[in-house]
Amino acid sequence: SQEPAFDLIFIDADKENNSVYLKYAL
């Protein structure tokens, strides 16, 4: 949906998916 960019992203969920979260965070 092309959400506007974020200024700060905090990744603190299930660690098994950290790489997935980083991909989307970028």
mmCIF file of all heavy atoms, coordinates in Angstrom:
data_MODEL
# 
_entry.id   MODEL 
# 
loop_
_atom_site.group_PDB 
_atom_site.id 
_atom_site.type_symbol 
_atom_site.label_atom_id 
_atom_site.label_alt_id 
_atom_site.label_comp_id 
_atom_site.label_asym_id 
_atom_site.label_entity_id 
_atom_site.label_seq_id 
_atom_site.pdbx_PDB_ins_code 
_atom_site.Cartn_x 
_atom_site.Cartn_y 
_atom_site.Cartn_z 
_atom_site.occupancy 
_atom_site.B_iso_or_equiv 
_atom_site.pdbx_formal_charge 
_atom_site.auth_seq_id 
_atom_site.auth_comp_id 
_atom_site.auth_asym_id 
_atom_site.auth_atom_id 
_atom_site.pdbx_PDB_model_num 
ATOM 1   N N   . SER A 1 1  ? 0.813  -1.222  0.000  1.00 0.00 ? 1  SER A N   1 
ATOM 2   C CA  . SER A 1 1  ? 0.000  0.000   0.000  1.00 0.00 ? 1  SER A CA  1 
ATOM 3   C C   . SER A 1 1  ? 0.844  1.269   0.000  1.00 0.00 ? 1  SER A C   1 
ATOM 4   O O   . SER A 1 1  ? 0.312  2.375   0.090  1.00 0.00 ? 1  SER A O   1 
ATOM 5   C CB  . SER A 1 1  ? -0.941 0.002   1.204  1.00 0.00 ? 1  SER A CB  1 
ATOM 6   O OG  . SER A 1 1  ? -0.199 0.058   2.420  1.00 0.00 ? 1  SER A OG  1 
ATOM 7   N N   . GLN A 1 2  ? 2.163  1.079   -0.092 1.00 0.00 ? 2  GLN A N   1 
ATOM 8   C CA  . GLN A 1 2  ? 3.108  2.200   -0.136 1.00 0.00 ? 2  GLN A CA  1 
ATOM 9   C C   . GLN A 1 2  ? 2.952  3.127   1.077  1.00 0.00 ? 2  GLN A C   1 
ATOM 10  O O   . GLN A 1 2  ? 2.861  4.346   0.954  1.00 0.00 ? 2  GLN A O   1 
ATOM 11  C CB  . GLN A 1 2  ? 2.952  2.981   -1.443 1.00 0.00 ? 2  GLN A CB  1 
ATOM 12  C CG  . GLN A 1 2  ? 3.284  2.149   -2.676 1.00 0.00 ? 2  GLN A CG  1 
ATOM 13  C CD  . GLN A 1 2  ? 3.239  2.946   -3.959 1.00 0.00 ? 2  GLN A CD  1 
ATOM 14  O OE1 . GLN A 1 2  ? 2.341  3.754   -4.169 1.00 0.00 ? 2  GLN A OE1 1 
ATOM 15  N NE2 . GLN A 1 2  ? 4.220  2.728   -4.818 1.00 0.00 ? 2  GLN A NE2 1 
ATOM 16  N N   . GLU A 1 3  ? 2.946  2.490   2.236  1.00 0.00 ? 3  GLU A N   1 
ATOM 17  C CA  . GLU A 1 3  ? 2.905  3.224   3.505  1.00 0.00 ? 3  GLU A CA  1 
ATOM 18  C C   . GLU A 1 3  ? 4.081  4.210   3.547  1.00 0.00 ? 3  GLU A C   1 
ATOM 19  O O   . GLU A 1 3  ? 5.208  3.873   3.156  1.00 0.00 ? 3  GLU A O   1 
ATOM 20  C CB  . GLU A 1 3  ? 3.027  2.222   4.653  1.00 0.00 ? 3  GLU A CB  1 
ATOM 21  C CG  . GLU A 1 3  ? 2.938  2.812   6.030  1.00 0.00 ? 3  GLU A CG  1 
ATOM 22  C CD  . GLU A 1 3  ? 1.510  2.933   6.531  1.00 0.00 ? 3  GLU A CD  1 
ATOM 23  O OE1 . GLU A 1 3  ? 0.606  2.373   5.879  1.00 0.00 ? 3  GLU A OE1 1 
ATOM 24  O OE2 . GLU A 1 3  ? 1.309  3.582   7.556  1.00 0.00 ? 3  GLU A OE2 1 
ATOM 25  N N   . PRO A 1 4  ? 3.865  5.436   4.008  1.00 0.00 ? 4  PRO A N   1 
ATOM 26  C CA  . PRO A 1 4  ? 4.986  6.383   4.119  1.00 0.00 ? 4  PRO A CA  1 
ATOM 27  C C   . PRO A 1 4  ? 6.116  5.818   4.975  1.00 0.00 ? 4  PRO A C   1 
ATOM 28  O O   . PRO A 1 4  ? 5.883  5.032   5.895  1.00 0.00 ? 4  PRO A O   1 
ATOM 29  C CB  . PRO A 1 4  ? 4.337  7.593   4.797  1.00 0.00 ? 4  PRO A CB  1 
ATOM 30  C CG  . PRO A 1 4  ? 2.884  7.501   4.457  1.00 0.00 ? 4  PRO A CG  1 
ATOM 31  C CD  . PRO A 1 4  ? 2.581  6.037   4.409  1.00 0.00 ? 4  PRO A CD  1 
ATOM 32  N N   . ALA A 1 5  ? 7.323  6.227   4.671  1.00 0.00 ? 5  ALA A N   1 
ATOM 33  C CA  . ALA A 1 5  ? 8.501  5.700   5.361  1.00 0.00 ? 5  ALA A CA  1 
ATOM 34  C C   . ALA A 1 5  ? 8.485  6.074   6.839  1.00 0.00 ? 5  ALA A C   1 
ATOM 35  O O   . ALA A 1 5  ? 7.888  7.073   7.251  1.00 0.00 ? 5  ALA A O   1 
ATOM 36  C CB  . ALA A 1 5  ? 9.771  6.224   4.698  1.00 0.00 ? 5  ALA A CB  1 
ATOM 37  N N   . PHE A 1 6  ? 9.157  5.249   7.632  1.00 0.00 ? 6  PHE A N   1 
ATOM 38  C CA  . PHE A 1 6  ? 9.270  5.476   9.068  1.00 0.00 ? 6  PHE A CA  1 
ATOM 39  C C   . PHE A 1 6  ? 10.644 6.066   9.389  1.00 0.00 ? 6  PHE A C   1 
ATOM 40  O O   . PHE A 1 6  ? 11.634 5.799   8.705  1.00 0.00 ? 6  PHE A O   1 
ATOM 41  C CB  . PHE A 1 6  ? 9.064  4.171   9.835  1.00 0.00 ? 6  PHE A CB  1 
ATOM 42  C CG  . PHE A 1 6  ? 7.655  3.653   9.759  1.00 0.00 ? 6  PHE A CG  1 
ATOM 43  C CD1 . PHE A 1 6  ? 7.279  2.772   8.754  1.00 0.00 ? 6  PHE A CD1 1 
ATOM 44  C CD2 . PHE A 1 6  ? 6.693  4.066   10.675 1.00 0.00 ? 6  PHE A CD2 1 
ATOM 45  C CE1 . PHE A 1 6  ? 5.978  2.298   8.668  1.00 0.00 ? 6  PHE A CE1 1 
ATOM 46  C CE2 . PHE A 1 6  ? 5.390  3.600   10.600 1.00 0.00 ? 6  PHE A CE2 1 
ATOM 47  C CZ  . PHE A 1 6  ? 5.027  2.714   9.589  1.00 0.00 ? 6  PHE A CZ  1 
ATOM 48  N N   . ASP A 1 7  ? 10.686 6.826   10.464 1.00 0.00 ? 7  ASP A N   1 
ATOM 49  C CA  . ASP A 1 7  ? 11.940 7.437   10.914 1.00 0.00 ? 7  ASP A CA  1 
ATOM 50  C C   . ASP A 1 7  ? 12.740 6.509   11.824 1.00 0.00 ? 7  ASP A C   1 
ATOM 51  O O   . ASP A 1 7  ? 13.963 6.607   11.902 1.00 0.00 ? 7  ASP A O   1 
ATOM 52  C CB  . ASP A 1 7  ? 11.646 8.731   11.677 1.00 0.00 ? 7  ASP A CB  1 
ATOM 53  C CG  . ASP A 1 7  ? 10.848 9.715   10.843 1.00 0.00 ? 7  ASP A CG  1 
ATOM 54  O OD1 . ASP A 1 7  ? 11.324 10.083  9.753  1.00 0.00 ? 7  ASP A OD1 1 
ATOM 55  O OD2 . ASP A 1 7  ? 9.751  10.105  11.273 1.00 0.00 ? 7  ASP A OD2 1 
ATOM 56  N N   . LEU A 1 8  ? 12.038 5.637   12.530 1.00 0.00 ? 8  LEU A N   1 
ATOM 57  C CA  . LEU A 1 8  ? 12.682 4.706   13.455 1.00 0.00 ? 8  LEU A CA  1 
ATOM 58  C C   . LEU A 1 8  ? 11.889 3.405   13.431 1.00 0.00 ? 8  LEU A C   1 
ATOM 59  O O   . LEU A 1 8  ? 10.650 3.425   13.463 1.00 0.00 ? 8  LEU A O   1 
ATOM 60  C CB  . LEU A 1 8  ? 12.729 5.279   14.872 1.00 0.00 ? 8  LEU A CB  1 
ATOM 61  C CG  . LEU A 1 8  ? 13.526 4.504   15.926 1.00 0.00 ? 8  LEU A CG  1 
ATOM 62  C CD1 . LEU A 1 8  ? 14.071 5.467   16.992 1.00 0.00 ? 8  LEU A CD1 1 
ATOM 63  C CD2 . LEU A 1 8  ? 12.684 3.433   16.613 1.00 0.00 ? 8  LEU A CD2 1 
ATOM 64  N N   . ILE A 1 9  ? 12.600 2.281   13.359 1.00 0.00 ? 9  ILE A N   1 
ATOM 65  C CA  . ILE A 1 9  ? 11.964 0.959   13.326 1.00 0.00 ? 9  ILE A CA  1 
ATOM 66  C C   . ILE A 1 9  ? 12.597 0.096   14.411 1.00 0.00 ? 9  ILE A C   1 
ATOM 67  O O   . ILE A 1 9  ? 13.822 -0.056  14.457 1.00 0.00 ? 9  ILE A O   1 
ATOM 68  C CB  . ILE A 1 9  ? 12.125 0.299   11.945 1.00 0.00 ? 9  ILE A CB  1 
ATOM 69  C CG1 . ILE A 1 9  ? 11.482 1.181   10.859 1.00 0.00 ? 9  ILE A CG1 1 
ATOM 70  C CG2 . ILE A 1 9  ? 11.505 -1.106  11.941 1.00 0.00 ? 9  ILE A CG2 1 
ATOM 71  C CD1 . ILE A 1 9  ? 11.720 0.703   9.432  1.00 0.00 ? 9  ILE A CD1 1 
ATOM 72  N N   . PHE A 1 10 ? 11.758 -0.457  15.272 1.00 0.00 ? 10 PHE A N   1 
ATOM 73  C CA  . PHE A 1 10 ? 12.204 -1.270  16.406 1.00 0.00 ? 10 PHE A CA  1 
ATOM 74  C C   . PHE A 1 10 ? 11.746 -2.705  16.179 1.00 0.00 ? 10 PHE A C   1 
ATOM 75  O O   . PHE A 1 10 ? 10.548 -2.994  16.148 1.00 0.00 ? 10 PHE A O   1 
ATOM 76  C CB  . PHE A 1 10 ? 11.609 -0.718  17.700 1.00 0.00 ? 10 PHE A CB  1 
ATOM 77  C CG  . PHE A 1 10 ? 12.045 -1.420  18.962 1.00 0.00 ? 10 PHE A CG  1 
ATOM 78  C CD1 . PHE A 1 10 ? 13.376 -1.733  19.192 1.00 0.00 ? 10 PHE A CD1 1 
ATOM 79  C CD2 . PHE A 1 10 ? 11.105 -1.749  19.937 1.00 0.00 ? 10 PHE A CD2 1 
ATOM 80  C CE1 . PHE A 1 10 ? 13.775 -2.365  20.370 1.00 0.00 ? 10 PHE A CE1 1 
ATOM 81  C CE2 . PHE A 1 10 ? 11.486 -2.373  21.112 1.00 0.00 ? 10 PHE A CE2 1 
ATOM 82  C CZ  . PHE A 1 10 ? 12.824 -2.679  21.333 1.00 0.00 ? 10 PHE A CZ  1 
ATOM 83  N N   . ILE A 1 11 ? 12.697 -3.624  16.009 1.00 0.00 ? 11 ILE A N   1 
ATOM 84  C CA  . ILE A 1 11 ? 12.401 -5.037  15.752 1.00 0.00 ? 11 ILE A CA  1 
ATOM 85  C C   . ILE A 1 11 ? 12.549 -5.804  17.058 1.00 0.00 ? 11 ILE A C   1 
ATOM 86  O O   . ILE A 1 11 ? 13.659 -6.005  17.553 1.00 0.00 ? 11 ILE A O   1 
ATOM 87  C CB  . ILE A 1 11 ? 13.327 -5.610  14.669 1.00 0.00 ? 11 ILE A CB  1 
ATOM 88  C CG1 . ILE A 1 11 ? 13.171 -4.804  13.363 1.00 0.00 ? 11 ILE A CG1 1 
ATOM 89  C CG2 . ILE A 1 11 ? 13.027 -7.082  14.423 1.00 0.00 ? 11 ILE A CG2 1 
ATOM 90  C CD1 . ILE A 1 11 ? 14.139 -5.220  12.264 1.00 0.00 ? 11 ILE A CD1 1 
ATOM 91  N N   . ASP A 1 12 ? 11.427 -6.236  17.614 1.00 0.00 ? 12 ASP A N   1 
ATOM 92  C CA  . ASP A 1 12 ? 11.439 -6.888  18.930 1.00 0.00 ? 12 ASP A CA  1 
ATOM 93  C C   . ASP A 1 12 ? 10.311 -7.924  19.009 1.00 0.00 ? 12 ASP A C   1 
ATOM 94  O O   . ASP A 1 12 ? 9.476  -7.883  19.904 1.00 0.00 ? 12 ASP A O   1 
ATOM 95  C CB  . ASP A 1 12 ? 11.281 -5.843  20.039 1.00 0.00 ? 12 ASP A CB  1 
ATOM 96  C CG  . ASP A 1 12 ? 11.510 -6.429  21.427 1.00 0.00 ? 12 ASP A CG  1 
ATOM 97  O OD1 . ASP A 1 12 ? 12.143 -7.497  21.520 1.00 0.00 ? 12 ASP A OD1 1 
ATOM 98  O OD2 . ASP A 1 12 ? 11.036 -5.835  22.409 1.00 0.00 ? 12 ASP A OD2 1 
ATOM 99  N N   . ALA A 1 13 ? 10.302 -8.837  18.046 1.00 0.00 ? 13 ALA A N   1 
ATOM 100 C CA  . ALA A 1 13 ? 9.278  -9.889  18.025 1.00 0.00 ? 13 ALA A CA  1 
ATOM 101 C C   . ALA A 1 13 ? 9.969  -11.252 18.028 1.00 0.00 ? 13 ALA A C   1 
ATOM 102 O O   . ALA A 1 13 ? 11.036 -11.391 18.641 1.00 0.00 ? 13 ALA A O   1 
ATOM 103 C CB  . ALA A 1 13 ? 8.383  -9.704  16.798 1.00 0.00 ? 13 ALA A CB  1 
ATOM 104 N N   . ASP A 1 14 ? 9.383  -12.249 17.399 1.00 0.00 ? 14 ASP A N   1 
ATOM 105 C CA  . ASP A 1 14 ? 9.987  -13.584 17.360 1.00 0.00 ? 14 ASP A CA  1 
ATOM 106 C C   . ASP A 1 14 ? 11.293 -13.525 16.567 1.00 0.00 ? 14 ASP A C   1 
ATOM 107 O O   . ASP A 1 14 ? 11.326 -13.103 15.416 1.00 0.00 ? 14 ASP A O   1 
ATOM 108 C CB  . ASP A 1 14 ? 9.022  -14.600 16.742 1.00 0.00 ? 14 ASP A CB  1 
ATOM 109 C CG  . ASP A 1 14 ? 8.487  -14.155 15.389 1.00 0.00 ? 14 ASP A CG  1 
ATOM 110 O OD1 . ASP A 1 14 ? 8.102  -12.979 15.261 1.00 0.00 ? 14 ASP A OD1 1 
ATOM 111 O OD2 . ASP A 1 14 ? 8.471  -14.981 14.466 1.00 0.00 ? 14 ASP A OD2 1 
ATOM 112 N N   . LYS A 1 15 ? 12.374 -13.928 17.205 1.00 0.00 ? 15 LYS A N   1 
ATOM 113 C CA  . LYS A 1 15 ? 13.706 -13.759 16.633 1.00 0.00 ? 15 LYS A CA  1 
ATOM 114 C C   . LYS A 1 15 ? 13.915 -14.634 15.393 1.00 0.00 ? 15 LYS A C   1 
ATOM 115 O O   . LYS A 1 15 ? 14.750 -14.321 14.541 1.00 0.00 ? 15 LYS A O   1 
ATOM 116 C CB  . LYS A 1 15 ? 14.786 -14.068 17.678 1.00 0.00 ? 15 LYS A CB  1 
ATOM 117 C CG  . LYS A 1 15 ? 14.597 -13.348 19.006 1.00 0.00 ? 15 LYS A CG  1 
ATOM 118 C CD  . LYS A 1 15 ? 14.344 -11.867 18.846 1.00 0.00 ? 15 LYS A CD  1 
ATOM 119 C CE  . LYS A 1 15 ? 13.919 -11.223 20.145 1.00 0.00 ? 15 LYS A CE  1 
ATOM 120 N NZ  . LYS A 1 15 ? 13.433 -9.845  19.979 1.00 0.00 ? 15 LYS A NZ  1 
ATOM 121 N N   . GLU A 1 16 ? 13.157 -15.716 15.309 1.00 0.00 ? 16 GLU A N   1 
ATOM 122 C CA  . GLU A 1 16 ? 13.288 -16.611 14.162 1.00 0.00 ? 16 GLU A CA  1 
ATOM 123 C C   . GLU A 1 16 ? 13.029 -15.890 12.844 1.00 0.00 ? 16 GLU A C   1 
ATOM 124 O O   . GLU A 1 16 ? 13.558 -16.274 11.793 1.00 0.00 ? 16 GLU A O   1 
ATOM 125 C CB  . GLU A 1 16 ? 12.323 -17.794 14.296 1.00 0.00 ? 16 GLU A CB  1 
ATOM 126 C CG  . GLU A 1 16 ? 12.638 -18.736 15.444 1.00 0.00 ? 16 GLU A CG  1 
ATOM 127 C CD  . GLU A 1 16 ? 12.025 -18.322 16.769 1.00 0.00 ? 16 GLU A CD  1 
ATOM 128 O OE1 . GLU A 1 16 ? 11.593 -17.150 16.893 1.00 0.00 ? 16 GLU A OE1 1 
ATOM 129 O OE2 . GLU A 1 16 ? 11.980 -19.153 17.686 1.00 0.00 ? 16 GLU A OE2 1 
ATOM 130 N N   . ASN A 1 17 ? 12.209 -14.836 12.886 1.00 0.00 ? 17 ASN A N   1 
ATOM 131 C CA  . ASN A 1 17 ? 11.838 -14.105 11.669 1.00 0.00 ? 17 ASN A CA  1 
ATOM 132 C C   . ASN A 1 17 ? 12.519 -12.752 11.544 1.00 0.00 ? 17 ASN A C   1 
ATOM 133 O O   . ASN A 1 17 ? 12.092 -11.917 10.738 1.00 0.00 ? 17 ASN A O   1 
ATOM 134 C CB  . ASN A 1 17 ? 10.315 -13.921 11.627 1.00 0.00 ? 17 ASN A CB  1 
ATOM 135 C CG  . ASN A 1 17 ? 9.600  -15.195 11.245 1.00 0.00 ? 17 ASN A CG  1 
ATOM 136 O OD1 . ASN A 1 17 ? 9.948  -15.849 10.268 1.00 0.00 ? 17 ASN A OD1 1 
ATOM 137 N ND2 . ASN A 1 17 ? 8.593  -15.568 12.018 1.00 0.00 ? 17 ASN A ND2 1 
ATOM 138 N N   . ASN A 1 18 ? 13.581 -12.528 12.299 1.00 0.00 ? 18 ASN A N   1 
ATOM 139 C CA  . ASN A 1 18 ? 14.250 -11.231 12.262 1.00 0.00 ? 18 ASN A CA  1 
ATOM 140 C C   . ASN A 1 18 ? 14.692 -10.828 10.853 1.00 0.00 ? 18 ASN A C   1 
ATOM 141 O O   . ASN A 1 18 ? 14.582 -9.665  10.466 1.00 0.00 ? 18 ASN A O   1 
ATOM 142 C CB  . ASN A 1 18 ? 15.464 -11.223 13.195 1.00 0.00 ? 18 ASN A CB  1 
ATOM 143 C CG  . ASN A 1 18 ? 15.128 -10.672 14.570 1.00 0.00 ? 18 ASN A CG  1 
ATOM 144 O OD1 . ASN A 1 18 ? 13.973 -10.471 14.911 1.00 0.00 ? 18 ASN A OD1 1 
ATOM 145 N ND2 . ASN A 1 18 ? 16.152 -10.433 15.370 1.00 0.00 ? 18 ASN A ND2 1 
ATOM 146 N N   . SER A 1 19 ? 15.203 -11.795 10.090 1.00 0.00 ? 19 SER A N   1 
ATOM 147 C CA  . SER A 1 19 ? 15.673 -11.466 8.742  1.00 0.00 ? 19 SER A CA  1 
ATOM 148 C C   . SER A 1 19 ? 14.517 -11.048 7.838  1.00 0.00 ? 19 SER A C   1 
ATOM 149 O O   . SER A 1 19 ? 14.668 -10.168 6.985  1.00 0.00 ? 19 SER A O   1 
ATOM 150 C CB  . SER A 1 19 ? 16.422 -12.667 8.135  1.00 0.00 ? 19 SER A CB  1 
ATOM 151 O OG  . SER A 1 19 ? 17.685 -12.817 8.758  1.00 0.00 ? 19 SER A OG  1 
ATOM 152 N N   . VAL A 1 20 ? 13.360 -11.683 8.031  1.00 0.00 ? 20 VAL A N   1 
ATOM 153 C CA  . VAL A 1 20 ? 12.165 -11.303 7.267  1.00 0.00 ? 20 VAL A CA  1 
ATOM 154 C C   . VAL A 1 20 ? 11.762 -9.884  7.627  1.00 0.00 ? 20 VAL A C   1 
ATOM 155 O O   . VAL A 1 20 ? 11.457 -9.060  6.751  1.00 0.00 ? 20 VAL A O   1 
ATOM 156 C CB  . VAL A 1 20 ? 11.003 -12.276 7.554  1.00 0.00 ? 20 VAL A CB  1 
ATOM 157 C CG1 . VAL A 1 20 ? 9.724  -11.808 6.870  1.00 0.00 ? 20 VAL A CG1 1 
ATOM 158 C CG2 . VAL A 1 20 ? 11.368 -13.689 7.117  1.00 0.00 ? 20 VAL A CG2 1 
ATOM 159 N N   . TYR A 1 21 ? 11.776 -9.588  8.928  1.00 0.00 ? 21 TYR A N   1 
ATOM 160 C CA  . TYR A 1 21 ? 11.384 -8.253  9.374  1.00 0.00 ? 21 TYR A CA  1 
ATOM 161 C C   . TYR A 1 21 ? 12.354 -7.197  8.851  1.00 0.00 ? 21 TYR A C   1 
ATOM 162 O O   . TYR A 1 21 ? 11.942 -6.092  8.488  1.00 0.00 ? 21 TYR A O   1 
ATOM 163 C CB  . TYR A 1 21 ? 11.303 -8.208  10.898 1.00 0.00 ? 21 TYR A CB  1 
ATOM 164 C CG  . TYR A 1 21 ? 10.313 -9.195  11.478 1.00 0.00 ? 21 TYR A CG  1 
ATOM 165 C CD1 . TYR A 1 21 ? 10.513 -9.771  12.725 1.00 0.00 ? 21 TYR A CD1 1 
ATOM 166 C CD2 . TYR A 1 21 ? 9.176  -9.563  10.769 1.00 0.00 ? 21 TYR A CD2 1 
ATOM 167 C CE1 . TYR A 1 21 ? 9.607  -10.678 13.253 1.00 0.00 ? 21 TYR A CE1 1 
ATOM 168 C CE2 . TYR A 1 21 ? 8.266  -10.473 11.296 1.00 0.00 ? 21 TYR A CE2 1 
ATOM 169 C CZ  . TYR A 1 21 ? 8.492  -11.028 12.536 1.00 0.00 ? 21 TYR A CZ  1 
ATOM 170 O OH  . TYR A 1 21 ? 7.594  -11.927 13.050 1.00 0.00 ? 21 TYR A OH  1 
ATOM 171 N N   . LEU A 1 22 ? 13.623 -7.531  8.816  1.00 0.00 ? 22 LEU A N   1 
ATOM 172 C CA  . LEU A 1 22 ? 14.601 -6.571  8.304  1.00 0.00 ? 22 LEU A CA  1 
ATOM 173 C C   . LEU A 1 22 ? 14.361 -6.292  6.828  1.00 0.00 ? 22 LEU A C   1 
ATOM 174 O O   . LEU A 1 22 ? 14.445 -5.139  6.388  1.00 0.00 ? 22 LEU A O   1 
ATOM 175 C CB  . LEU A 1 22 ? 16.023 -7.095  8.518  1.00 0.00 ? 22 LEU A CB  1 
ATOM 176 C CG  . LEU A 1 22 ? 17.139 -6.201  7.979  1.00 0.00 ? 22 LEU A CG  1 
ATOM 177 C CD1 . LEU A 1 22 ? 17.149 -4.848  8.675  1.00 0.00 ? 22 LEU A CD1 1 
ATOM 178 C CD2 . LEU A 1 22 ? 18.500 -6.887  8.133  1.00 0.00 ? 22 LEU A CD2 1 
ATOM 179 N N   . LYS A 1 23 ? 14.036 -7.332  6.064  1.00 0.00 ? 23 LYS A N   1 
ATOM 180 C CA  . LYS A 1 23 ? 13.775 -7.155  4.628  1.00 0.00 ? 23 LYS A CA  1 
ATOM 181 C C   . LYS A 1 23 ? 12.652 -6.136  4.410  1.00 0.00 ? 23 LYS A C   1 
ATOM 182 O O   . LYS A 1 23 ? 12.774 -5.226  3.591  1.00 0.00 ? 23 LYS A O   1 
ATOM 183 C CB  . LYS A 1 23 ? 13.394 -8.496  4.000  1.00 0.00 ? 23 LYS A CB  1 
ATOM 184 C CG  . LYS A 1 23 ? 13.061 -8.416  2.513  1.00 0.00 ? 23 LYS A CG  1 
ATOM 185 C CD  . LYS A 1 23 ? 12.501 -9.723  1.996  1.00 0.00 ? 23 LYS A CD  1 
ATOM 186 C CE  . LYS A 1 23 ? 11.074 -9.953  2.471  1.00 0.00 ? 23 LYS A CE  1 
ATOM 187 N NZ  . LYS A 1 23 ? 10.437 -11.136 1.827  1.00 0.00 ? 23 LYS A NZ  1 
ATOM 188 N N   . TYR A 1 24 ? 11.578 -6.291  5.167  1.00 0.00 ? 24 TYR A N   1 
ATOM 189 C CA  . TYR A 1 24 ? 10.459 -5.363  5.034  1.00 0.00 ? 24 TYR A CA  1 
ATOM 190 C C   . TYR A 1 24 ? 10.802 -3.986  5.611  1.00 0.00 ? 24 TYR A C   1 
ATOM 191 O O   . TYR A 1 24 ? 10.387 -2.952  5.075  1.00 0.00 ? 24 TYR A O   1 
ATOM 192 C CB  . TYR A 1 24 ? 9.221  -5.914  5.720  1.00 0.00 ? 24 TYR A CB  1 
ATOM 193 C CG  . TYR A 1 24 ? 8.538  -7.012  4.941  1.00 0.00 ? 24 TYR A CG  1 
ATOM 194 C CD1 . TYR A 1 24 ? 8.453  -8.307  5.453  1.00 0.00 ? 24 TYR A CD1 1 
ATOM 195 C CD2 . TYR A 1 24 ? 7.972  -6.769  3.686  1.00 0.00 ? 24 TYR A CD2 1 
ATOM 196 C CE1 . TYR A 1 24 ? 7.819  -9.325  4.739  1.00 0.00 ? 24 TYR A CE1 1 
ATOM 197 C CE2 . TYR A 1 24 ? 7.343  -7.776  2.971  1.00 0.00 ? 24 TYR A CE2 1 
ATOM 198 C CZ  . TYR A 1 24 ? 7.268  -9.055  3.497  1.00 0.00 ? 24 TYR A CZ  1 
ATOM 199 O OH  . TYR A 1 24 ? 6.645  -10.047 2.783  1.00 0.00 ? 24 TYR A OH  1 
ATOM 200 N N   . ALA A 1 25 ? 11.549 -3.987  6.724  1.00 0.00 ? 25 ALA A N   1 
ATOM 201 C CA  . ALA A 1 25 ? 11.924 -2.705  7.343  1.00 0.00 ? 25 ALA A CA  1 
ATOM 202 C C   . ALA A 1 25 ? 12.681 -1.824  6.359  1.00 0.00 ? 25 ALA A C   1 
ATOM 203 O O   . ALA A 1 25 ? 12.457 -0.610  6.286  1.00 0.00 ? 25 ALA A O   1 
ATOM 204 C CB  . ALA A 1 25 ? 12.771 -2.955  8.590  1.00 0.00 ? 25 ALA A CB  1 
ATOM 205 N N   . LEU A 1 26 ? 13.568 -2.436  5.577  1.00 0.00 ? 26 LEU A N   1 
ATOM 206 C CA  . LEU A 1 26 ? 14.335 -1.658  4.605  1.00 0.00 ? 26 LEU A CA  1 
ATOM 207 C C   . LEU A 1 26 ? 13.444 -1.049  3.529  1.00 0.00 ? 26 LEU A C   1 
ATOM 208 O O   . LEU A 1 26 ? 13.726 0.032   3.007  1.00 0.00 ? 26 LEU A O   1 
ATOM 209 C CB  . LEU A 1 26 ? 15.408 -2.550  3.968  1.00 0.00 ? 26 LEU A CB  1 
ATOM 210 C CG  . LEU A 1 26 ? 16.568 -2.921  4.894  1.00 0.00 ? 26 LEU A CG  1 
ATOM 211 C CD1 . LEU A 1 26 ? 17.409 -4.024  4.288  1.00 0.00 ? 26 LEU A CD1 1 
ATOM 212 C CD2 . LEU A 1 26 ? 17.418 -1.704  5.205  1.00 0.00 ? 26 LEU A CD2 1 
# 
